[in-house]
Amino acid sequence: MPTLSELIPAEAVRLDVAAADWREAVRAAGDLMVATGTSTGEYTTEMIENVEANGPYIVIAPGFAFAHARPSPAVLKTGMSWVRLAEPVEFGHEANDPVSLVVGLAARDSGAHTEAMAALARLLGDPETERALHEARMPEALVAVLAGRDAPQEPEERQEPDERQPGGGGTSVHKILTVCGNGLGTSLFLKNTLEQVLDRWGWTKYVTVEATDTMSAKGKAGEAVAILTSGEIARTLGDVGVPVKVVENFTSTGEVDRILRDTYDVQ
């Protein structure tokens, strides 16, 4: 699978971009993907329409928007873009506005970019790396930071909250759904963050995580013990018969840890 730095070449990076509003910010990310042969202008329109239809759920962490839409004929190849704004803009998100970083994604399918999403989730959750990305003066310098984080990460020491296992220690495997409007962008971000927490707990053999879209989530809810998603998507889902947990920062293992503890009543 392509690495993060392969999906975001220097030609797909613009720094200190002026944008009057969120539409211009998303359009800047789309224009870069058009310029690098990743997508057509129609896909940029689809990214904007996605926010208009589903709300600002793509603002998945403070100051960070992950612009994307469903796979479509307007996607020519899987790729990404990186736009750092000169001045932050409002997307209308209650907790994470204003936005100063917009990362665009155009995906041919839901599988070709999963490892890159995991790498991006890790680096944006790391304060040192986030600072290096913010301070990069040239696109080449930013891509060098991305490339330096493409190497496999050393596994962190597991920190099980206690000796209990989900389901009272039985052998059944639980499922948690992470949900977004399209099932391949923000939901994958949240899936990766949740899997990091489960790995630290030593629970990966007891709990599986599936990223999906809003329509599929309604049908799959009966298979899950909980759904993790944004506030906007939670309102779209409504009552699906299982707990729907709202996550504000999709890159925060601390927030996801607290939500997982609440889900399983673990202190």
C-alpha atoms as a PDB file:
ATOM      1  CA  MET A   1       0.000   0.000   0.000  1.00  0.00           C
ATOM      2  CA  PRO A   2       1.220   3.565  -0.645  1.00  0.00           C
ATOM      3  CA  THR A   3       2.769   5.450   2.242  1.00  0.00           C
ATOM      4  CA  LEU A   4       1.545   8.794   3.478  1.00  0.00           C
ATOM      5  CA  SER A   5       4.416  10.682   1.850  1.00  0.00           C
ATOM      6  CA  GLU A   6       3.708   8.918  -1.453  1.00  0.00           C
ATOM      7  CA  LEU A   7       0.044   9.956  -1.302  1.00  0.00           C
ATOM      8  CA  ILE A   8       0.991  13.559  -0.432  1.00  0.00           C
ATOM      9  CA  PRO A   9       3.893  14.630  -2.685  1.00  0.00           C
ATOM     10  CA  ALA A  10       5.327  18.127  -2.404  1.00  0.00           C
ATOM     11  CA  GLU A  11       3.248  19.167  -5.429  1.00  0.00           C
ATOM     12  CA  ALA A  12       0.098  18.424  -3.390  1.00  0.00           C
ATOM     13  CA  VAL A  13       1.115  20.730  -0.519  1.00  0.00           C
ATOM     14  CA  ARG A  14       0.343  24.441  -0.201  1.00  0.00           C
ATOM     15  CA  LEU A  15       1.252  26.468   2.870  1.00  0.00           C
ATOM     16  CA  ASP A  16      -0.199  29.740   4.162  1.00  0.00           C
ATOM     17  CA  VAL A  17      -3.116  29.744   1.733  1.00  0.00           C
ATOM     18  CA  ALA A  18      -5.649  32.580   1.893  1.00  0.00           C
ATOM     19  CA  ALA A  19      -9.273  31.375   2.068  1.00  0.00           C
ATOM     20  CA  ALA A  20     -12.316  33.540   2.740  1.00  0.00           C
ATOM     21  CA  ASP A  21     -14.451  30.673   4.056  1.00  0.00           C
ATOM     22  CA  TRP A  22     -14.626  26.895   4.414  1.00  0.00           C
ATOM     23  CA  ARG A  23     -15.701  26.372   0.802  1.00  0.00           C
ATOM     24  CA  GLU A  24     -12.610  28.140  -0.481  1.00  0.00           C
ATOM     25  CA  ALA A  25     -10.466  26.100   1.914  1.00  0.00           C
ATOM     26  CA  VAL A  26     -11.927  22.807   0.654  1.00  0.00           C
ATOM     27  CA  ARG A  27     -11.648  24.042  -2.929  1.00  0.00           C
ATOM     28  CA  ALA A  28      -7.943  24.745  -2.399  1.00  0.00           C
ATOM     29  CA  ALA A  29      -7.449  21.130  -1.267  1.00  0.00           C
ATOM     30  CA  GLY A  30      -9.420  19.899  -4.275  1.00  0.00           C
ATOM     31  CA  ASP A  31      -7.502  22.072  -6.722  1.00  0.00           C
ATOM     32  CA  LEU A  32      -4.251  20.492  -5.578  1.00  0.00           C
ATOM     33  CA  MET A  33      -5.612  17.003  -6.226  1.00  0.00           C
ATOM     34  CA  VAL A  34      -6.737  18.122  -9.686  1.00  0.00           C
ATOM     35  CA  ALA A  35      -3.268  19.535 -10.372  1.00  0.00           C
ATOM     36  CA  THR A  36      -1.586  16.251  -9.393  1.00  0.00           C
ATOM     37  CA  GLY A  37      -3.945  14.122 -11.509  1.00  0.00           C
ATOM     38  CA  THR A  38      -5.696  12.575  -8.508  1.00  0.00           C
ATOM     39  CA  SER A  39      -9.207  13.813  -9.274  1.00  0.00           C
ATOM     40  CA  THR A  40     -11.255  16.101 -11.467  1.00  0.00           C
ATOM     41  CA  GLY A  41     -12.938  19.348 -10.539  1.00  0.00           C
ATOM     42  CA  GLU A  42     -16.197  17.471 -10.114  1.00  0.00           C
ATOM     43  CA  TYR A  43     -14.744  15.689  -7.096  1.00  0.00           C
ATOM     44  CA  THR A  44     -13.980  19.052  -5.485  1.00  0.00           C
ATOM     45  CA  THR A  45     -17.651  19.926  -5.905  1.00  0.00           C
ATOM     46  CA  GLU A  46     -18.586  16.572  -4.343  1.00  0.00           C
ATOM     47  CA  MET A  47     -16.408  17.309  -1.285  1.00  0.00           C
ATOM     48  CA  ILE A  48     -18.169  20.632  -0.755  1.00  0.00           C
ATOM     49  CA  GLU A  49     -21.589  19.032  -1.260  1.00  0.00           C
ATOM     50  CA  ASN A  50     -20.677  16.394   1.326  1.00  0.00           C
ATOM     51  CA  VAL A  51     -20.309  19.081   3.999  1.00  0.00           C
ATOM     52  CA  GLU A  52     -23.442  20.870   2.834  1.00  0.00           C
ATOM     53  CA  ALA A  53     -25.419  17.618   3.125  1.00  0.00           C
ATOM     54  CA  ASN A  54     -23.910  16.151   6.322  1.00  0.00           C
ATOM     55  CA  GLY A  55     -22.620  19.144   8.246  1.00  0.00           C
ATOM     56  CA  PRO A  56     -19.055  19.865   9.392  1.00  0.00           C
ATOM     57  CA  TYR A  57     -18.342  16.332  10.632  1.00  0.00           C
ATOM     58  CA  ILE A  58     -15.102  16.376   8.590  1.00  0.00           C
ATOM     59  CA  VAL A  59     -13.608  18.705  11.254  1.00  0.00           C
ATOM     60  CA  ILE A  60     -12.340  15.778  13.274  1.00  0.00           C
ATOM     61  CA  ALA A  61      -9.860  17.496  15.613  1.00  0.00           C
ATOM     62  CA  PRO A  62      -9.201  21.049  16.813  1.00  0.00           C
ATOM     63  CA  GLY A  63      -8.177  23.082  13.777  1.00  0.00           C
ATOM     64  CA  PHE A  64      -8.185  20.110  11.385  1.00  0.00           C
ATOM     65  CA  ALA A  65     -10.626  19.267   8.583  1.00  0.00           C
ATOM     66  CA  PHE A  66     -10.395  16.069   6.542  1.00  0.00           C
ATOM     67  CA  ALA A  67     -12.100  16.873   3.241  1.00  0.00           C
ATOM     68  CA  HIS A  68     -13.364  13.958   1.162  1.00  0.00           C
ATOM     69  CA  ALA A  69     -16.363  12.444  -0.598  1.00  0.00           C
ATOM     70  CA  ARG A  70     -17.416   8.988  -1.729  1.00  0.00           C
ATOM     71  CA  PRO A  71     -15.423   7.142  -4.418  1.00  0.00           C
ATOM     72  CA  SER A  72     -16.763   8.271  -7.781  1.00  0.00           C
ATOM     73  CA  PRO A  73     -15.763   8.483 -11.457  1.00  0.00           C
ATOM     74  CA  ALA A  74     -14.293  11.888 -10.577  1.00  0.00           C
ATOM     75  CA  VAL A  75     -11.495  10.094  -8.663  1.00  0.00           C
ATOM     76  CA  LEU A  76      -8.709   9.193 -11.090  1.00  0.00           C
ATOM     77  CA  LYS A  77      -6.375   7.610  -8.532  1.00  0.00           C
ATOM     78  CA  THR A  78      -6.071   7.473  -4.765  1.00  0.00           C
ATOM     79  CA  GLY A  79      -4.260  10.531  -3.474  1.00  0.00           C
ATOM     80  CA  MET A  80      -4.272  13.349  -0.961  1.00  0.00           C
ATOM     81  CA  SER A  81      -3.482  17.034  -0.564  1.00  0.00           C
ATOM     82  CA  TRP A  82      -2.379  19.268   2.311  1.00  0.00           C
ATOM     83  CA  VAL A  83      -3.468  22.893   2.739  1.00  0.00           C
ATOM     84  CA  ARG A  84      -2.276  24.992   5.659  1.00  0.00           C
ATOM     85  CA  LEU A  85      -4.272  28.216   5.839  1.00  0.00           C
ATOM     86  CA  ALA A  86      -2.802  31.653   6.417  1.00  0.00           C
ATOM     87  CA  GLU A  87      -5.772  32.489   8.642  1.00  0.00           C
ATOM     88  CA  PRO A  88      -8.163  29.914  10.138  1.00  0.00           C
ATOM     89  CA  VAL A  89     -11.763  29.709   8.908  1.00  0.00           C
ATOM     90  CA  GLU A  90     -15.008  28.571  10.494  1.00  0.00           C
ATOM     91  CA  PHE A  91     -16.655  25.351   9.315  1.00  0.00           C
ATOM     92  CA  GLY A  92     -19.488  25.535  11.839  1.00  0.00           C
ATOM     93  CA  HIS A  93     -18.179  22.800  14.157  1.00  0.00           C
ATOM     94  CA  GLU A  94     -19.176  23.337  17.779  1.00  0.00           C
ATOM     95  CA  ALA A  95     -15.925  22.115  19.326  1.00  0.00           C
ATOM     96  CA  ASN A  96     -13.120  22.084  16.739  1.00  0.00           C
ATOM     97  CA  ASP A  97     -13.438  25.418  14.891  1.00  0.00           C
ATOM     98  CA  PRO A  98     -11.646  27.384  13.587  1.00  0.00           C
ATOM     99  CA  VAL A  99      -9.755  25.283  11.027  1.00  0.00           C
ATOM    100  CA  SER A 100      -6.193  26.025   9.946  1.00  0.00           C
ATOM    101  CA  LEU A 101      -5.353  22.680   8.266  1.00  0.00           C
ATOM    102  CA  VAL A 102      -7.355  20.998   5.497  1.00  0.00           C
ATOM    103  CA  VAL A 103      -6.219  17.593   4.254  1.00  0.00           C
ATOM    104  CA  GLY A 104      -7.986  16.356   1.135  1.00  0.00           C
ATOM    105  CA  LEU A 105      -8.538  12.701   0.256  1.00  0.00           C
ATOM    106  CA  ALA A 106      -9.700  11.173  -3.012  1.00  0.00           C
ATOM    107  CA  ALA A 107      -9.979   7.380  -2.790  1.00  0.00           C
ATOM    108  CA  ARG A 108     -10.754   4.833  -5.491  1.00  0.00           C
ATOM    109  CA  ASP A 109     -11.952   2.405  -2.801  1.00  0.00           C
ATOM    110  CA  SER A 110     -11.934   1.949   0.967  1.00  0.00           C
ATOM    111  CA  GLY A 111      -8.858  -0.271   1.166  1.00  0.00           C
ATOM    112  CA  ALA A 112      -6.014   1.368  -0.732  1.00  0.00           C
ATOM    113  CA  HIS A 113      -5.240   4.048   1.859  1.00  0.00           C
ATOM    114  CA  THR A 114      -5.897   2.435   5.247  1.00  0.00           C
ATOM    115  CA  GLU A 115      -2.247   2.304   6.325  1.00  0.00           C
ATOM    116  CA  ALA A 116      -1.748   5.938   5.315  1.00  0.00           C
ATOM    117  CA  MET A 117      -4.800   6.899   7.380  1.00  0.00           C
ATOM    118  CA  ALA A 118      -3.314   5.101  10.367  1.00  0.00           C
ATOM    119  CA  ALA A 119      -0.032   6.979   9.904  1.00  0.00           C
ATOM    120  CA  LEU A 120      -1.833  10.310   9.592  1.00  0.00           C
ATOM    121  CA  ALA A 121      -3.896   9.642  12.712  1.00  0.00           C
ATOM    122  CA  ARG A 122      -0.719   8.848  14.674  1.00  0.00           C
ATOM    123  CA  LEU A 123       1.227  11.896  13.564  1.00  0.00           C
ATOM    124  CA  LEU A 124      -1.600  14.368  14.165  1.00  0.00           C
ATOM    125  CA  GLY A 125      -2.057  12.866  17.625  1.00  0.00           C
ATOM    126  CA  ASP A 126       1.618  13.442  18.450  1.00  0.00           C
ATOM    127  CA  PRO A 127       2.322  17.010  19.708  1.00  0.00           C
ATOM    128  CA  GLU A 128       5.948  17.021  18.540  1.00  0.00           C
ATOM    129  CA  THR A 129       5.088  15.954  15.016  1.00  0.00           C
ATOM    130  CA  GLU A 130       2.090  18.290  14.853  1.00  0.00           C
ATOM    131  CA  ARG A 131       4.352  21.170  15.809  1.00  0.00           C
ATOM    132  CA  ALA A 132       6.925  20.221  13.144  1.00  0.00           C
ATOM    133  CA  LEU A 133       4.195  20.161  10.508  1.00  0.00           C
ATOM    134  CA  HIS A 134       2.908  23.542  11.631  1.00  0.00           C
ATOM    135  CA  GLU A 135       6.377  25.077  11.521  1.00  0.00           C
ATOM    136  CA  ALA A 136       7.425  23.656   8.124  1.00  0.00           C
ATOM    137  CA  ARG A 137       8.327  26.564   5.847  1.00  0.00           C
ATOM    138  CA  MET A 138       8.352  24.726   2.515  1.00  0.00           C
ATOM    139  CA  PRO A 139       6.285  21.859   1.067  1.00  0.00           C
ATOM    140  CA  GLU A 140       9.429  19.750   0.787  1.00  0.00           C
ATOM    141  CA  ALA A 141      10.113  20.207   4.494  1.00  0.00           C
ATOM    142  CA  LEU A 142       6.573  19.147   5.365  1.00  0.00           C
ATOM    143  CA  VAL A 143       6.800  16.044   3.180  1.00  0.00           C
ATOM    144  CA  ALA A 144      10.109  15.193   4.866  1.00  0.00           C
ATOM    145  CA  VAL A 145       8.301  15.206   8.224  1.00  0.00           C
ATOM    146  CA  LEU A 146       5.639  12.894   6.773  1.00  0.00           C
ATOM    147  CA  ALA A 147       8.277  10.578   5.323  1.00  0.00           C
ATOM    148  CA  GLY A 148      10.085  10.415   8.658  1.00  0.00           C
ATOM    149  CA  ARG A 149       6.907   9.110  10.285  1.00  0.00           C
ATOM    150  CA  ASP A 150       6.219   6.494   7.598  1.00  0.00           C
ATOM    151  CA  ALA A 151       8.543   4.037   9.296  1.00  0.00           C
ATOM    152  CA  PRO A 152       6.842   1.310  11.349  1.00  0.00           C
ATOM    153  CA  GLN A 153       6.050   2.493  14.859  1.00  0.00           C
ATOM    154  CA  GLU A 154       7.404   0.714  17.908  1.00  0.00           C
ATOM    155  CA  PRO A 155       4.494  -0.881  19.767  1.00  0.00           C
ATOM    156  CA  GLU A 156       3.596   0.967  22.946  1.00  0.00           C
ATOM    157  CA  GLU A 157       3.475  -0.805  26.257  1.00  0.00           C
ATOM    158  CA  ARG A 158       0.025  -2.188  26.891  1.00  0.00           C
ATOM    159  CA  GLN A 159      -1.841  -0.537  29.708  1.00  0.00           C
ATOM    160  CA  GLU A 160      -4.795  -2.709  30.637  1.00  0.00           C
ATOM    161  CA  PRO A 161      -7.226  -0.769  32.828  1.00  0.00           C
ATOM    162  CA  ASP A 162      -7.894  -3.840  34.967  1.00  0.00           C
ATOM    163  CA  GLU A 163      -8.133  -7.611  34.680  1.00  0.00           C
ATOM    164  CA  ARG A 164     -11.632  -7.652  33.289  1.00  0.00           C
ATOM    165  CA  GLN A 165     -12.444  -8.503  29.704  1.00  0.00           C
ATOM    166  CA  PRO A 166     -15.492  -7.396  27.735  1.00  0.00           C
ATOM    167  CA  GLY A 167     -18.457  -9.680  28.225  1.00  0.00           C
ATOM    168  CA  GLY A 168     -17.249 -10.916  31.587  1.00  0.00           C
ATOM    169  CA  GLY A 169     -14.191 -12.667  30.195  1.00  0.00           C
ATOM    170  CA  GLY A 170     -15.994 -14.887  27.702  1.00  0.00           C
ATOM    171  CA  THR A 171     -14.689 -15.869  24.300  1.00  0.00           C
ATOM    172  CA  SER A 172     -17.202 -13.874  22.216  1.00  0.00           C
ATOM    173  CA  VAL A 173     -15.838 -11.014  20.117  1.00  0.00           C
ATOM    174  CA  HIS A 174     -17.549  -7.661  20.404  1.00  0.00           C
ATOM    175  CA  LYS A 175     -17.859  -5.172  17.542  1.00  0.00           C
ATOM    176  CA  ILE A 176     -17.721  -1.375  17.682  1.00  0.00           C
ATOM    177  CA  LEU A 177     -18.674   0.688  14.636  1.00  0.00           C
ATOM    178  CA  THR A 178     -16.984   3.966  13.733  1.00  0.00           C
ATOM    179  CA  VAL A 179     -19.237   5.926  11.430  1.00  0.00           C
ATOM    180  CA  CYS A 180     -18.988   8.847   9.022  1.00  0.00           C
ATOM    181  CA  GLY A 181     -20.949  10.031   6.021  1.00  0.00           C
ATOM    182  CA  ASN A 182     -18.945   8.000   3.510  1.00  0.00           C
ATOM    183  CA  GLY A 183     -17.319   5.200   5.487  1.00  0.00           C
ATOM    184  CA  LEU A 184     -13.796   5.711   4.190  1.00  0.00           C
ATOM    185  CA  GLY A 185     -12.372   8.950   5.581  1.00  0.00           C
ATOM    186  CA  THR A 186     -13.148  10.210   9.050  1.00  0.00           C
ATOM    187  CA  SER A 187     -14.498   6.836  10.172  1.00  0.00           C
ATOM    188  CA  LEU A 188     -11.132   5.252   9.301  1.00  0.00           C
ATOM    189  CA  PHE A 189      -9.402   7.947  11.351  1.00  0.00           C
ATOM    190  CA  LEU A 190     -11.519   7.116  14.362  1.00  0.00           C
ATOM    191  CA  LYS A 191     -11.110   3.372  13.778  1.00  0.00           C
ATOM    192  CA  ASN A 192      -7.329   3.732  13.879  1.00  0.00           C
ATOM    193  CA  THR A 193      -7.418   5.760  17.087  1.00  0.00           C
ATOM    194  CA  LEU A 194      -9.770   3.275  18.757  1.00  0.00           C
ATOM    195  CA  GLU A 195      -7.581   0.354  17.700  1.00  0.00           C
ATOM    196  CA  GLN A 196      -4.567   2.057  19.287  1.00  0.00           C
ATOM    197  CA  VAL A 197      -6.446   2.195  22.593  1.00  0.00           C
ATOM    198  CA  LEU A 198      -7.650  -1.402  22.321  1.00  0.00           C
ATOM    199  CA  ASP A 199      -4.081  -2.521  21.630  1.00  0.00           C
ATOM    200  CA  ARG A 200      -2.819  -0.718  24.742  1.00  0.00           C
ATOM    201  CA  TRP A 201      -5.522  -2.411  26.778  1.00  0.00           C
ATOM    202  CA  GLY A 202      -4.713  -5.819  25.310  1.00  0.00           C
ATOM    203  CA  TRP A 203      -8.302  -6.111  24.057  1.00  0.00           C
ATOM    204  CA  THR A 204      -7.763  -6.461  20.308  1.00  0.00           C
ATOM    205  CA  LYS A 205      -8.716 -10.136  20.415  1.00  0.00           C
ATOM    206  CA  TYR A 206     -11.966  -9.321  22.191  1.00  0.00           C
ATOM    207  CA  VAL A 207     -13.169  -6.241  20.291  1.00  0.00           C
ATOM    208  CA  THR A 208     -13.147  -5.620  16.537  1.00  0.00           C
ATOM    209  CA  VAL A 209     -13.686  -2.233  14.926  1.00  0.00           C
ATOM    210  CA  GLU A 210     -15.458  -1.631  11.626  1.00  0.00           C
ATOM    211  CA  ALA A 211     -15.527   1.702   9.796  1.00  0.00           C
ATOM    212  CA  THR A 212     -18.741   2.297   7.891  1.00  0.00           C
ATOM    213  CA  ASP A 213     -21.128   4.941   6.552  1.00  0.00           C
ATOM    214  CA  THR A 214     -24.386   6.195   8.009  1.00  0.00           C
ATOM    215  CA  MET A 215     -26.704   4.087   5.855  1.00  0.00           C
ATOM    216  CA  SER A 216     -24.803   0.846   6.484  1.00  0.00           C
ATOM    217  CA  ALA A 217     -24.453   1.630  10.203  1.00  0.00           C
ATOM    218  CA  LYS A 218     -28.215   1.578  10.680  1.00  0.00           C
ATOM    219  CA  GLY A 219     -28.345  -1.970   9.337  1.00  0.00           C
ATOM    220  CA  LYS A 220     -25.256  -3.134  11.214  1.00  0.00           C
ATOM    221  CA  ALA A 221     -26.080  -1.529  14.561  1.00  0.00           C
ATOM    222  CA  GLY A 222     -27.595  -4.759  15.879  1.00  0.00           C
ATOM    223  CA  GLU A 223     -24.196  -6.460  15.506  1.00  0.00           C
ATOM    224  CA  ALA A 224     -22.400  -3.843  17.608  1.00  0.00           C
ATOM    225  CA  VAL A 225     -22.082  -2.998  21.295  1.00  0.00           C
ATOM    226  CA  ALA A 226     -21.622   0.707  20.499  1.00  0.00           C
ATOM    227  CA  ILE A 227     -21.150   3.259  17.742  1.00  0.00           C
ATOM    228  CA  LEU A 228     -18.488   5.971  17.883  1.00  0.00           C
ATOM    229  CA  THR A 229     -18.965   8.999  15.646  1.00  0.00           C
ATOM    230  CA  SER A 230     -19.218  12.792  15.426  1.00  0.00           C
ATOM    231  CA  GLY A 231     -22.051  14.856  16.831  1.00  0.00           C
ATOM    232  CA  GLU A 232     -23.402  15.622  13.363  1.00  0.00           C
ATOM    233  CA  ILE A 233     -23.506  11.967  12.317  1.00  0.00           C
ATOM    234  CA  ALA A 234     -24.961  10.943  15.702  1.00  0.00           C
ATOM    235  CA  ARG A 235     -27.911  13.245  15.057  1.00  0.00           C
ATOM    236  CA  THR A 236     -28.335  11.755  11.584  1.00  0.00           C
ATOM    237  CA  LEU A 237     -28.315   8.202  12.959  1.00  0.00           C
ATOM    238  CA  GLY A 238     -30.821   8.881  15.727  1.00  0.00           C
ATOM    239  CA  ASP A 239     -31.895   5.906  17.849  1.00  0.00           C
ATOM    240  CA  VAL A 240     -30.369   2.731  16.378  1.00  0.00           C
ATOM    241  CA  GLY A 241     -30.827   0.507  19.442  1.00  0.00           C
ATOM    242  CA  VAL A 242     -27.225   0.651  20.715  1.00  0.00           C
ATOM    243  CA  PRO A 243     -25.286   3.418  22.482  1.00  0.00           C
ATOM    244  CA  VAL A 244     -24.007   6.124  20.119  1.00  0.00           C
ATOM    245  CA  LYS A 245     -20.928   7.812  21.598  1.00  0.00           C
ATOM    246  CA  VAL A 246     -19.863  11.234  20.324  1.00  0.00           C
ATOM    247  CA  VAL A 247     -16.131  11.834  19.850  1.00  0.00           C
ATOM    248  CA  GLU A 248     -14.949  15.417  19.417  1.00  0.00           C
ATOM    249  CA  ASN A 249     -11.266  14.776  18.630  1.00  0.00           C
ATOM    250  CA  PHE A 250     -10.762  11.756  16.376  1.00  0.00           C
ATOM    251  CA  THR A 251      -6.985  11.836  16.897  1.00  0.00           C
ATOM    252  CA  SER A 252      -7.126  11.839  20.729  1.00  0.00           C
ATOM    253  CA  THR A 253      -6.404   8.455  22.287  1.00  0.00           C
ATOM    254  CA  GLY A 254      -7.160  10.034  25.669  1.00  0.00           C
ATOM    255  CA  GLU A 255     -10.710  10.971  24.697  1.00  0.00           C
ATOM    256  CA  VAL A 256     -11.345   7.606  23.047  1.00  0.00           C
ATOM    257  CA  ASP A 257      -9.933   5.853  26.111  1.00  0.00           C
ATOM    258  CA  ARG A 258     -12.460   7.654  28.327  1.00  0.00           C
ATOM    259  CA  ILE A 259     -15.324   6.752  25.996  1.00  0.00           C
ATOM    260  CA  LEU A 260     -14.268   3.107  25.879  1.00  0.00           C
ATOM    261  CA  ARG A 261     -14.101   3.010  29.689  1.00  0.00           C
ATOM    262  CA  ASP A 262     -17.604   4.443  29.856  1.00  0.00           C
ATOM    263  CA  THR A 263     -18.863   1.918  27.305  1.00  0.00           C
ATOM    264  CA  TYR A 264     -17.579  -1.035  29.320  1.00  0.00           C
ATOM    265  CA  ASP A 265     -17.886   0.559  32.782  1.00  0.00           C
ATOM    266  CA  VAL A 266     -14.161   0.232  33.368  1.00  0.00           C
ATOM    267  CA  GLN A 267     -12.564   2.538  35.942  1.00  0.00           C
END
